[in-house]
Amino acid sequence: MAPNGRTMTTAKDPDAPFWRRKAMKEMTREEWESLCDGCGRCCLNKLQEEGTDRTYYTDVSCKLLDGQSCRCSDYENRSAKVKDCVTLTTRNINRIVWLPPTCAYRLIADGKDLYWWHPLVSGDPDTVHQAGVSVRGKVGASEIDVPDRDLEDHIVSWPLKWPKGAKEKASPSKKV
């Protein structure tokens, strides 16, 4: 979060998007939920190195992740069905070190703006997939099919990287 507790402060401009004029803690539930871009990266199983905070992503998804939409198939009941599902809040957002760099919650908390492919900017929920930010087509397996002891065999680095063209401020002229 920016030092003043706001993200990309434009509080003087009432026409600015809510994520630029409100602190995260001031957002309504609907606004907060809309920050999720639907990439599904946070729904990949992760391994944490013992003795460090280093996180390794795998290409193994949560059992509730829909690989096509990259959304939770039972969002309302996810915490009851997945014991280690993390609910992002304004209180824990700065303590969760494993959020991918493309995550809107991470970007806004760090005082940055959303990118062209975010549905709140583009107006289209498919741009997150077109930009290559989502996990669509990249999930190797569901956690249902991969025992915990085999997760190390599924470590991948792409969830911690920005896809080519995704950091552009405007939609690239060529198809991504």
N, C-alpha and C. Protein backbone atom coordinates (compact mmCIF):
# COMPACT_ATOMS: atom_id res chain seq x y z
N MET A 1 0.84 -1.17 0.00
CA MET A 1 0.00 0.00 0.00
C MET A 1 0.89 1.24 0.00
N ALA A 2 0.42 2.24 -0.64
CA ALA A 2 1.17 3.49 -0.68
C ALA A 2 1.25 4.06 0.74
N PRO A 3 2.25 4.87 1.01
CA PRO A 3 2.43 5.41 2.36
C PRO A 3 1.20 6.09 2.94
N ASN A 4 0.37 6.67 2.10
CA ASN A 4 -0.82 7.35 2.60
C ASN A 4 -2.01 6.40 2.78
N GLY A 5 -1.79 5.10 2.58
CA GLY A 5 -2.84 4.12 2.76
C GLY A 5 -3.77 4.00 1.57
N ARG A 6 -3.49 4.69 0.51
CA ARG A 6 -4.32 4.62 -0.69
C ARG A 6 -3.50 4.02 -1.82
N THR A 7 -4.20 3.57 -2.82
CA THR A 7 -3.54 3.02 -3.98
C THR A 7 -3.62 4.03 -5.11
N MET A 8 -2.48 4.38 -5.68
CA MET A 8 -2.44 5.29 -6.81
C MET A 8 -3.38 6.47 -6.54
N THR A 9 -3.17 7.17 -5.50
CA THR A 9 -4.09 8.18 -5.01
C THR A 9 -4.56 9.14 -6.10
N THR A 10 -5.85 9.11 -6.33
CA THR A 10 -6.50 10.08 -7.21
C THR A 10 -7.81 10.47 -6.53
N ALA A 11 -7.76 10.58 -5.22
CA ALA A 11 -8.97 10.87 -4.42
C ALA A 11 -9.64 12.16 -4.87
N LYS A 12 -8.90 13.09 -5.46
CA LYS A 12 -9.48 14.35 -5.91
C LYS A 12 -10.30 14.16 -7.19
N ASP A 13 -10.15 13.03 -7.84
CA ASP A 13 -10.88 12.75 -9.07
C ASP A 13 -11.97 11.73 -8.79
N PRO A 14 -13.21 12.20 -8.59
CA PRO A 14 -14.30 11.28 -8.25
C PRO A 14 -14.64 10.31 -9.38
N ASP A 15 -14.13 10.59 -10.58
CA ASP A 15 -14.39 9.70 -11.72
C ASP A 15 -13.33 8.60 -11.85
N ALA A 16 -12.30 8.66 -11.02
CA ALA A 16 -11.26 7.63 -11.06
C ALA A 16 -11.84 6.30 -10.60
N PRO A 17 -11.34 5.19 -11.14
CA PRO A 17 -11.83 3.88 -10.71
C PRO A 17 -11.62 3.70 -9.20
N PHE A 18 -12.48 2.92 -8.59
CA PHE A 18 -12.45 2.75 -7.14
C PHE A 18 -11.09 2.31 -6.62
N TRP A 19 -10.37 1.47 -7.34
CA TRP A 19 -9.08 0.97 -6.84
C TRP A 19 -8.01 2.06 -6.82
N ARG A 20 -8.26 3.16 -7.50
CA ARG A 20 -7.32 4.28 -7.47
C ARG A 20 -7.68 5.32 -6.41
N ARG A 21 -8.93 5.36 -6.01
CA ARG A 21 -9.34 6.41 -5.07
C ARG A 21 -9.67 5.91 -3.68
N LYS A 22 -9.73 4.60 -3.50
CA LYS A 22 -10.07 4.06 -2.18
C LYS A 22 -8.92 3.22 -1.63
N ALA A 23 -8.75 3.28 -0.33
CA ALA A 23 -7.84 2.34 0.33
C ALA A 23 -8.53 0.98 0.28
N MET A 24 -7.77 -0.08 0.29
CA MET A 24 -8.36 -1.41 0.21
C MET A 24 -9.39 -1.65 1.32
N LYS A 25 -9.10 -1.14 2.50
CA LYS A 25 -10.02 -1.35 3.62
C LYS A 25 -11.32 -0.57 3.45
N GLU A 26 -11.38 0.38 2.53
CA GLU A 26 -12.59 1.16 2.27
C GLU A 26 -13.47 0.54 1.19
N MET A 27 -12.97 -0.47 0.50
CA MET A 27 -13.72 -1.08 -0.60
C MET A 27 -14.90 -1.89 -0.08
N THR A 28 -15.95 -1.88 -0.87
CA THR A 28 -17.10 -2.72 -0.55
C THR A 28 -16.72 -4.17 -0.86
N ARG A 29 -17.51 -5.09 -0.37
CA ARG A 29 -17.24 -6.52 -0.66
C ARG A 29 -17.24 -6.75 -2.17
N GLU A 30 -18.19 -6.14 -2.87
CA GLU A 30 -18.28 -6.31 -4.32
C GLU A 30 -17.02 -5.77 -5.01
N GLU A 31 -16.56 -4.60 -4.59
CA GLU A 31 -15.34 -4.03 -5.17
C GLU A 31 -14.14 -4.93 -4.89
N TRP A 32 -14.04 -5.39 -3.64
CA TRP A 32 -12.93 -6.26 -3.25
C TRP A 32 -12.91 -7.52 -4.11
N GLU A 33 -14.04 -8.16 -4.23
CA GLU A 33 -14.13 -9.40 -5.01
C GLU A 33 -13.81 -9.15 -6.48
N SER A 34 -14.18 -7.99 -7.00
CA SER A 34 -13.93 -7.70 -8.41
C SER A 34 -12.46 -7.49 -8.72
N LEU A 35 -11.63 -7.31 -7.70
CA LEU A 35 -10.19 -7.19 -7.95
C LEU A 35 -9.59 -8.50 -8.47
N CYS A 36 -10.21 -9.62 -8.13
CA CYS A 36 -9.70 -10.90 -8.62
C CYS A 36 -9.84 -10.93 -10.13
N ASP A 37 -8.73 -11.16 -10.83
CA ASP A 37 -8.76 -11.14 -12.29
C ASP A 37 -9.14 -12.49 -12.89
N GLY A 38 -9.26 -13.52 -12.05
CA GLY A 38 -9.65 -14.83 -12.55
C GLY A 38 -8.52 -15.58 -13.22
N CYS A 39 -7.30 -15.32 -12.79
CA CYS A 39 -6.16 -16.01 -13.41
C CYS A 39 -5.99 -17.44 -12.90
N GLY A 40 -6.36 -17.69 -11.65
CA GLY A 40 -6.24 -19.03 -11.08
C GLY A 40 -4.85 -19.38 -10.56
N ARG A 41 -3.89 -18.48 -10.67
CA ARG A 41 -2.53 -18.79 -10.20
C ARG A 41 -2.49 -19.09 -8.70
N CYS A 42 -3.30 -18.40 -7.92
CA CYS A 42 -3.28 -18.64 -6.48
C CYS A 42 -3.91 -19.99 -6.14
N CYS A 43 -4.60 -20.61 -7.08
CA CYS A 43 -5.24 -21.90 -6.86
C CYS A 43 -4.34 -23.08 -7.24
N LEU A 44 -3.09 -22.79 -7.56
CA LEU A 44 -2.14 -23.85 -7.81
C LEU A 44 -1.53 -24.28 -6.48
N ASN A 45 -1.25 -25.55 -6.33
CA ASN A 45 -0.61 -26.03 -5.12
C ASN A 45 0.80 -25.48 -5.05
N LYS A 46 1.19 -25.12 -3.84
CA LYS A 46 2.51 -24.53 -3.61
C LYS A 46 3.23 -25.32 -2.53
N LEU A 47 4.53 -25.31 -2.62
CA LEU A 47 5.38 -25.94 -1.61
C LEU A 47 6.23 -24.85 -0.98
N GLN A 48 6.39 -24.93 0.33
CA GLN A 48 7.23 -23.95 1.00
C GLN A 48 8.47 -24.67 1.52
N GLU A 49 9.63 -24.11 1.21
CA GLU A 49 10.90 -24.69 1.64
C GLU A 49 11.03 -24.56 3.15
N GLU A 50 11.37 -25.66 3.78
CA GLU A 50 11.54 -25.65 5.24
C GLU A 50 12.65 -24.70 5.64
N GLY A 51 12.38 -23.91 6.67
CA GLY A 51 13.39 -22.99 7.19
C GLY A 51 13.48 -21.67 6.45
N THR A 52 12.74 -21.53 5.36
CA THR A 52 12.75 -20.27 4.61
C THR A 52 11.31 -19.92 4.25
N ASP A 53 11.14 -18.77 3.64
CA ASP A 53 9.82 -18.39 3.14
C ASP A 53 9.71 -18.63 1.64
N ARG A 54 10.69 -19.33 1.07
CA ARG A 54 10.69 -19.55 -0.37
C ARG A 54 9.53 -20.46 -0.76
N THR A 55 8.77 -20.01 -1.72
CA THR A 55 7.60 -20.74 -2.19
C THR A 55 7.85 -21.25 -3.60
N TYR A 56 7.46 -22.48 -3.82
CA TYR A 56 7.55 -23.10 -5.14
C TYR A 56 6.15 -23.42 -5.62
N TYR A 57 5.82 -22.94 -6.79
CA TYR A 57 4.54 -23.25 -7.40
C TYR A 57 4.64 -24.58 -8.13
N THR A 58 3.50 -25.26 -8.21
CA THR A 58 3.40 -26.46 -9.02
C THR A 58 2.36 -26.22 -10.10
N ASP A 59 2.29 -27.14 -11.05
CA ASP A 59 1.23 -27.06 -12.06
C ASP A 59 0.04 -27.94 -11.67
N VAL A 60 -0.06 -28.22 -10.38
CA VAL A 60 -1.15 -29.01 -9.83
C VAL A 60 -2.16 -28.05 -9.21
N SER A 61 -3.40 -28.16 -9.65
CA SER A 61 -4.42 -27.22 -9.18
C SER A 61 -5.20 -27.76 -8.00
N CYS A 62 -5.82 -26.83 -7.31
CA CYS A 62 -6.79 -27.16 -6.27
C CYS A 62 -7.89 -27.99 -6.92
N LYS A 63 -8.47 -28.88 -6.15
CA LYS A 63 -9.53 -29.74 -6.69
C LYS A 63 -10.76 -28.96 -7.13
N LEU A 64 -10.92 -27.72 -6.65
CA LEU A 64 -12.09 -26.92 -7.01
C LEU A 64 -11.85 -25.99 -8.21
N LEU A 65 -10.62 -25.93 -8.70
CA LEU A 65 -10.35 -25.01 -9.82
C LEU A 65 -10.91 -25.56 -11.12
N ASP A 66 -11.68 -24.74 -11.81
CA ASP A 66 -12.17 -25.07 -13.14
C ASP A 66 -11.08 -24.60 -14.11
N GLY A 67 -10.42 -25.54 -14.77
CA GLY A 67 -9.29 -25.22 -15.64
C GLY A 67 -9.62 -24.38 -16.85
N GLN A 68 -10.87 -24.34 -17.27
CA GLN A 68 -11.27 -23.54 -18.42
C GLN A 68 -11.57 -22.10 -18.03
N SER A 69 -12.38 -21.92 -17.00
CA SER A 69 -12.73 -20.56 -16.57
C SER A 69 -11.67 -19.97 -15.65
N CYS A 70 -10.85 -20.83 -15.04
CA CYS A 70 -9.82 -20.44 -14.08
C CYS A 70 -10.44 -19.81 -12.83
N ARG A 71 -11.61 -20.26 -12.50
CA ARG A 71 -12.33 -19.81 -11.32
C ARG A 71 -12.66 -21.00 -10.44
N CYS A 72 -12.94 -20.73 -9.20
CA CYS A 72 -13.32 -21.77 -8.25
C CYS A 72 -14.70 -22.30 -8.62
N SER A 73 -14.84 -23.62 -8.64
CA SER A 73 -16.12 -24.22 -9.00
C SER A 73 -17.13 -24.18 -7.86
N ASP A 74 -16.66 -23.86 -6.64
CA ASP A 74 -17.57 -23.74 -5.50
C ASP A 74 -17.04 -22.66 -4.56
N TYR A 75 -16.96 -21.46 -5.07
CA TYR A 75 -16.34 -20.34 -4.36
C TYR A 75 -16.95 -20.10 -2.98
N GLU A 76 -18.27 -20.14 -2.89
CA GLU A 76 -18.93 -19.84 -1.61
C GLU A 76 -18.57 -20.85 -0.52
N ASN A 77 -18.31 -22.10 -0.89
CA ASN A 77 -18.04 -23.15 0.09
C ASN A 77 -16.58 -23.61 0.10
N ARG A 78 -15.72 -22.87 -0.57
CA ARG A 78 -14.33 -23.31 -0.74
C ARG A 78 -13.59 -23.55 0.56
N SER A 79 -13.78 -22.69 1.53
CA SER A 79 -13.05 -22.84 2.80
C SER A 79 -13.47 -24.09 3.55
N ALA A 80 -14.70 -24.50 3.42
CA ALA A 80 -15.17 -25.73 4.07
C ALA A 80 -14.69 -26.97 3.33
N LYS A 81 -14.51 -26.86 2.02
CA LYS A 81 -14.12 -28.01 1.22
C LYS A 81 -12.62 -28.17 1.06
N VAL A 82 -11.87 -27.07 1.21
CA VAL A 82 -10.41 -27.10 1.05
C VAL A 82 -9.81 -26.49 2.30
N LYS A 83 -9.27 -27.34 3.17
CA LYS A 83 -8.83 -26.89 4.50
C LYS A 83 -7.76 -25.80 4.47
N ASP A 84 -6.92 -25.79 3.45
CA ASP A 84 -5.86 -24.78 3.41
C ASP A 84 -6.13 -23.66 2.40
N CYS A 85 -7.38 -23.50 2.02
CA CYS A 85 -7.74 -22.39 1.14
C CYS A 85 -7.59 -21.09 1.93
N VAL A 86 -6.93 -20.12 1.33
CA VAL A 86 -6.68 -18.84 2.00
C VAL A 86 -7.64 -17.80 1.46
N THR A 87 -8.34 -17.15 2.35
CA THR A 87 -9.21 -16.04 1.99
C THR A 87 -8.43 -14.74 2.15
N LEU A 88 -8.28 -14.03 1.06
CA LEU A 88 -7.55 -12.76 1.10
C LEU A 88 -8.39 -11.70 1.78
N THR A 89 -7.76 -10.96 2.66
CA THR A 89 -8.43 -9.86 3.36
C THR A 89 -7.48 -8.66 3.40
N THR A 90 -8.02 -7.52 3.77
CA THR A 90 -7.16 -6.34 3.91
C THR A 90 -6.19 -6.53 5.06
N ARG A 91 -6.52 -7.40 5.99
CA ARG A 91 -5.64 -7.63 7.14
C ARG A 91 -4.47 -8.56 6.80
N ASN A 92 -4.65 -9.49 5.85
CA ASN A 92 -3.57 -10.44 5.58
C ASN A 92 -2.87 -10.22 4.24
N ILE A 93 -3.36 -9.32 3.43
CA ILE A 93 -2.82 -9.16 2.08
C ILE A 93 -1.32 -8.87 2.06
N ASN A 94 -0.82 -8.12 3.00
CA ASN A 94 0.62 -7.80 3.00
C ASN A 94 1.48 -8.87 3.65
N ARG A 95 0.86 -9.87 4.25
CA ARG A 95 1.62 -10.96 4.87
C ARG A 95 1.72 -12.19 3.98
N ILE A 96 0.95 -12.25 2.93
CA ILE A 96 0.95 -13.42 2.05
C ILE A 96 2.03 -13.23 0.99
N VAL A 97 3.12 -13.93 1.18
CA VAL A 97 4.29 -13.73 0.32
C VAL A 97 4.21 -14.50 -0.99
N TRP A 98 3.30 -15.44 -1.11
CA TRP A 98 3.27 -16.29 -2.29
C TRP A 98 2.34 -15.80 -3.40
N LEU A 99 1.69 -14.67 -3.22
CA LEU A 99 0.83 -14.18 -4.30
C LEU A 99 1.67 -13.91 -5.54
N PRO A 100 1.18 -14.31 -6.70
CA PRO A 100 1.97 -14.09 -7.92
C PRO A 100 2.11 -12.60 -8.22
N PRO A 101 3.14 -12.22 -8.96
CA PRO A 101 3.39 -10.79 -9.22
C PRO A 101 2.28 -10.14 -10.04
N THR A 102 1.51 -10.92 -10.76
CA THR A 102 0.43 -10.39 -11.59
C THR A 102 -0.86 -10.17 -10.80
N CYS A 103 -0.91 -10.61 -9.56
CA CYS A 103 -2.13 -10.55 -8.75
C CYS A 103 -2.56 -9.11 -8.50
N ALA A 104 -3.81 -8.81 -8.82
CA ALA A 104 -4.33 -7.45 -8.63
C ALA A 104 -4.29 -7.03 -7.17
N TYR A 105 -4.57 -7.95 -6.27
CA TYR A 105 -4.51 -7.61 -4.84
C TYR A 105 -3.09 -7.20 -4.45
N ARG A 106 -2.11 -7.93 -4.96
CA ARG A 106 -0.72 -7.60 -4.68
C ARG A 106 -0.35 -6.26 -5.31
N LEU A 107 -0.74 -6.06 -6.56
CA LEU A 107 -0.42 -4.82 -7.26
C LEU A 107 -1.00 -3.61 -6.52
N ILE A 108 -2.28 -3.68 -6.19
CA ILE A 108 -2.95 -2.56 -5.52
C ILE A 108 -2.35 -2.34 -4.13
N ALA A 109 -2.09 -3.41 -3.39
CA ALA A 109 -1.48 -3.28 -2.06
C ALA A 109 -0.10 -2.62 -2.14
N ASP A 110 0.59 -2.84 -3.26
CA ASP A 110 1.92 -2.25 -3.46
C ASP A 110 1.86 -0.86 -4.09
N GLY A 111 0.65 -0.31 -4.25
CA GLY A 111 0.50 1.03 -4.80
C GLY A 111 0.61 1.10 -6.30
N LYS A 112 0.45 -0.02 -6.98
CA LYS A 112 0.54 -0.06 -8.44
C LYS A 112 -0.86 -0.09 -9.05
N ASP A 113 -0.92 0.08 -10.34
CA ASP A 113 -2.19 0.09 -11.03
C ASP A 113 -2.45 -1.27 -11.67
N LEU A 114 -3.67 -1.47 -12.14
CA LEU A 114 -4.03 -2.68 -12.86
C LEU A 114 -3.57 -2.56 -14.30
N TYR A 115 -3.35 -3.70 -14.93
CA TYR A 115 -2.87 -3.73 -16.31
C TYR A 115 -4.03 -3.89 -17.29
N TRP A 116 -3.74 -3.69 -18.56
CA TRP A 116 -4.73 -3.67 -19.63
C TRP A 116 -5.60 -4.92 -19.67
N TRP A 117 -5.06 -6.04 -19.28
CA TRP A 117 -5.77 -7.31 -19.39
C TRP A 117 -6.71 -7.59 -18.21
N HIS A 118 -6.63 -6.79 -17.16
CA HIS A 118 -7.51 -7.02 -16.02
C HIS A 118 -8.94 -6.71 -16.45
N PRO A 119 -9.90 -7.57 -16.13
CA PRO A 119 -11.29 -7.34 -16.54
C PRO A 119 -11.87 -5.99 -16.11
N LEU A 120 -11.42 -5.42 -15.00
CA LEU A 120 -11.92 -4.10 -14.59
C LEU A 120 -11.42 -3.01 -15.54
N VAL A 121 -10.30 -3.23 -16.18
CA VAL A 121 -9.74 -2.26 -17.12
C VAL A 121 -10.26 -2.52 -18.53
N SER A 122 -10.20 -3.78 -18.95
CA SER A 122 -10.58 -4.14 -20.32
C SER A 122 -12.08 -4.25 -20.52
N GLY A 123 -12.81 -4.55 -19.44
CA GLY A 123 -14.24 -4.79 -19.56
C GLY A 123 -14.56 -6.17 -20.09
N ASP A 124 -13.53 -7.01 -20.23
CA ASP A 124 -13.70 -8.34 -20.81
C ASP A 124 -12.98 -9.39 -19.95
N PRO A 125 -13.71 -10.35 -19.38
CA PRO A 125 -13.05 -11.35 -18.53
C PRO A 125 -12.10 -12.27 -19.29
N ASP A 126 -12.14 -12.26 -20.62
CA ASP A 126 -11.25 -13.13 -21.39
C ASP A 126 -9.86 -12.55 -21.61
N THR A 127 -9.67 -11.26 -21.38
CA THR A 127 -8.34 -10.68 -21.64
C THR A 127 -7.27 -11.26 -20.73
N VAL A 128 -7.62 -11.70 -19.53
CA VAL A 128 -6.64 -12.32 -18.64
C VAL A 128 -6.11 -13.61 -19.27
N HIS A 129 -6.94 -14.29 -20.04
CA HIS A 129 -6.52 -15.51 -20.73
C HIS A 129 -5.74 -15.15 -22.00
N GLN A 130 -6.25 -14.16 -22.74
CA GLN A 130 -5.59 -13.73 -23.98
C GLN A 130 -4.17 -13.24 -23.72
N ALA A 131 -3.96 -12.62 -22.56
CA ALA A 131 -2.63 -12.09 -22.21
C ALA A 131 -1.69 -13.17 -21.70
N GLY A 132 -2.20 -14.37 -21.51
CA GLY A 132 -1.36 -15.46 -21.02
C GLY A 132 -1.12 -15.43 -19.52
N VAL A 133 -1.88 -14.63 -18.81
CA VAL A 133 -1.71 -14.48 -17.37
C VAL A 133 -2.38 -15.64 -16.62
N SER A 134 -3.45 -16.16 -17.15
CA SER A 134 -4.20 -17.20 -16.45
C SER A 134 -3.54 -18.57 -16.57
N VAL A 135 -4.06 -19.51 -15.81
CA VAL A 135 -3.54 -20.88 -15.81
C VAL A 135 -4.19 -21.74 -16.90
N ARG A 136 -5.09 -21.14 -17.69
CA ARG A 136 -5.76 -21.90 -18.75
C ARG A 136 -4.73 -22.59 -19.65
N GLY A 137 -4.87 -23.90 -19.79
CA GLY A 137 -3.97 -24.69 -20.64
C GLY A 137 -2.62 -24.99 -20.01
N LYS A 138 -2.41 -24.56 -18.77
CA LYS A 138 -1.10 -24.74 -18.13
C LYS A 138 -1.14 -25.68 -16.93
N VAL A 139 -2.33 -26.07 -16.51
CA VAL A 139 -2.47 -26.94 -15.34
C VAL A 139 -2.15 -28.37 -15.79
N GLY A 140 -1.22 -29.00 -15.08
CA GLY A 140 -0.82 -30.36 -15.43
C GLY A 140 -1.72 -31.42 -14.85
N ALA A 141 -2.28 -31.15 -13.68
CA ALA A 141 -3.13 -32.13 -13.01
C ALA A 141 -3.87 -31.47 -11.87
N SER A 142 -4.86 -32.19 -11.36
CA SER A 142 -5.60 -31.75 -10.18
C SER A 142 -4.97 -32.42 -8.97
N GLU A 143 -5.10 -31.78 -7.81
CA GLU A 143 -4.56 -32.37 -6.59
C GLU A 143 -5.22 -33.70 -6.26
N ILE A 144 -6.36 -33.96 -6.82
CA ILE A 144 -7.04 -35.24 -6.63
C ILE A 144 -6.20 -36.38 -7.19
N ASP A 145 -5.48 -36.09 -8.27
CA ASP A 145 -4.70 -37.11 -8.98
C ASP A 145 -3.23 -37.17 -8.60
N VAL A 146 -2.74 -36.21 -7.82
CA VAL A 146 -1.32 -36.15 -7.49
C VAL A 146 -1.14 -36.20 -5.97
N PRO A 147 -0.54 -37.27 -5.46
CA PRO A 147 -0.30 -37.32 -4.01
C PRO A 147 0.70 -36.25 -3.58
N ASP A 148 0.57 -35.76 -2.36
CA ASP A 148 1.47 -34.72 -1.84
C ASP A 148 2.93 -35.09 -2.04
N ARG A 149 3.27 -36.35 -1.86
CA ARG A 149 4.68 -36.78 -1.97
C ARG A 149 5.24 -36.57 -3.38
N ASP A 150 4.36 -36.43 -4.38
CA ASP A 150 4.80 -36.26 -5.76
C ASP A 150 4.76 -34.81 -6.24
N LEU A 151 4.36 -33.89 -5.39
CA LEU A 151 4.24 -32.49 -5.80
C LEU A 151 5.57 -31.90 -6.26
N GLU A 152 6.67 -32.33 -5.66
CA GLU A 152 7.99 -31.80 -6.08
C GLU A 152 8.27 -32.07 -7.55
N ASP A 153 7.69 -33.13 -8.09
CA ASP A 153 7.86 -33.45 -9.50
C ASP A 153 7.09 -32.52 -10.42
N HIS A 154 6.27 -31.67 -9.85
CA HIS A 154 5.42 -30.77 -10.63
C HIS A 154 5.77 -29.30 -10.43
N ILE A 155 6.94 -28.99 -9.88
CA ILE A 155 7.34 -27.60 -9.66
C ILE A 155 7.55 -26.91 -11.01
N VAL A 156 6.99 -25.71 -11.12
CA VAL A 156 7.12 -24.89 -12.32
C VAL A 156 7.45 -23.46 -11.90
N SER A 157 8.04 -22.70 -12.81
CA SER A 157 8.42 -21.32 -12.47
C SER A 157 7.50 -20.27 -13.08
N TRP A 158 6.73 -20.63 -14.09
CA TRP A 158 5.94 -19.63 -14.81
C TRP A 158 4.95 -18.84 -13.94
N PRO A 159 4.37 -19.39 -12.86
CA PRO A 159 3.43 -18.56 -12.10
C PRO A 159 4.09 -17.35 -11.42
N LEU A 160 5.39 -17.37 -11.29
CA LEU A 160 6.11 -16.26 -10.66
C LEU A 160 6.66 -15.27 -11.68
N LYS A 161 6.28 -15.47 -12.95
CA LYS A 161 6.79 -14.62 -14.02
C LYS A 161 5.65 -13.89 -14.71
N TRP A 162 6.01 -12.77 -15.34
CA TRP A 162 5.07 -12.01 -16.14
C TRP A 162 5.10 -12.55 -17.57
N PRO A 163 3.96 -12.90 -18.14
CA PRO A 163 3.94 -13.31 -19.55
C PRO A 163 4.34 -12.15 -20.45
N LYS A 164 4.93 -12.46 -21.58
CA LYS A 164 5.36 -11.45 -22.52
C LYS A 164 4.18 -10.57 -22.94
N GLY A 165 4.33 -9.29 -22.85
CA GLY A 165 3.30 -8.34 -23.24
C GLY A 165 2.30 -7.99 -22.15
N ALA A 166 2.29 -8.76 -21.06
CA ALA A 166 1.30 -8.51 -20.01
C ALA A 166 1.58 -7.25 -19.21
N LYS A 167 2.82 -6.79 -19.23
CA LYS A 167 3.17 -5.59 -18.47
C LYS A 167 2.97 -4.30 -19.26
N GLU A 168 2.58 -4.44 -20.51
CA GLU A 168 2.31 -3.25 -21.32
C GLU A 168 1.19 -2.47 -20.67
N LYS A 169 1.22 -1.16 -20.77
CA LYS A 169 0.18 -0.32 -20.17
C LYS A 169 -1.12 -0.39 -20.98
N ALA A 170 -1.01 -0.66 -22.27
CA ALA A 170 -2.19 -0.78 -23.10
C ALA A 170 -2.12 -2.09 -23.86
N SER A 171 -3.24 -2.54 -24.32
CA SER A 171 -3.29 -3.80 -25.05
C SER A 171 -2.33 -3.75 -26.24
N PRO A 172 -1.45 -4.75 -26.36
CA PRO A 172 -0.55 -4.76 -27.50
C PRO A 172 -1.34 -4.80 -28.81
N SER A 173 -0.79 -4.17 -29.85
CA SER A 173 -1.52 -4.10 -31.12
C SER A 173 -1.62 -5.47 -31.78
N LYS A 174 -0.65 -6.32 -31.53
CA LYS A 174 -0.75 -7.67 -32.10
C LYS A 174 -1.42 -8.60 -31.09
N LYS A 175 -1.99 -9.65 -31.60
CA LYS A 175 -2.68 -10.61 -30.74
C LYS A 175 -1.65 -11.31 -29.85
N VAL A 176 -1.96 -11.40 -28.56
CA VAL A 176 -1.05 -12.00 -27.59
C VAL A 176 -1.21 -13.49 -27.59
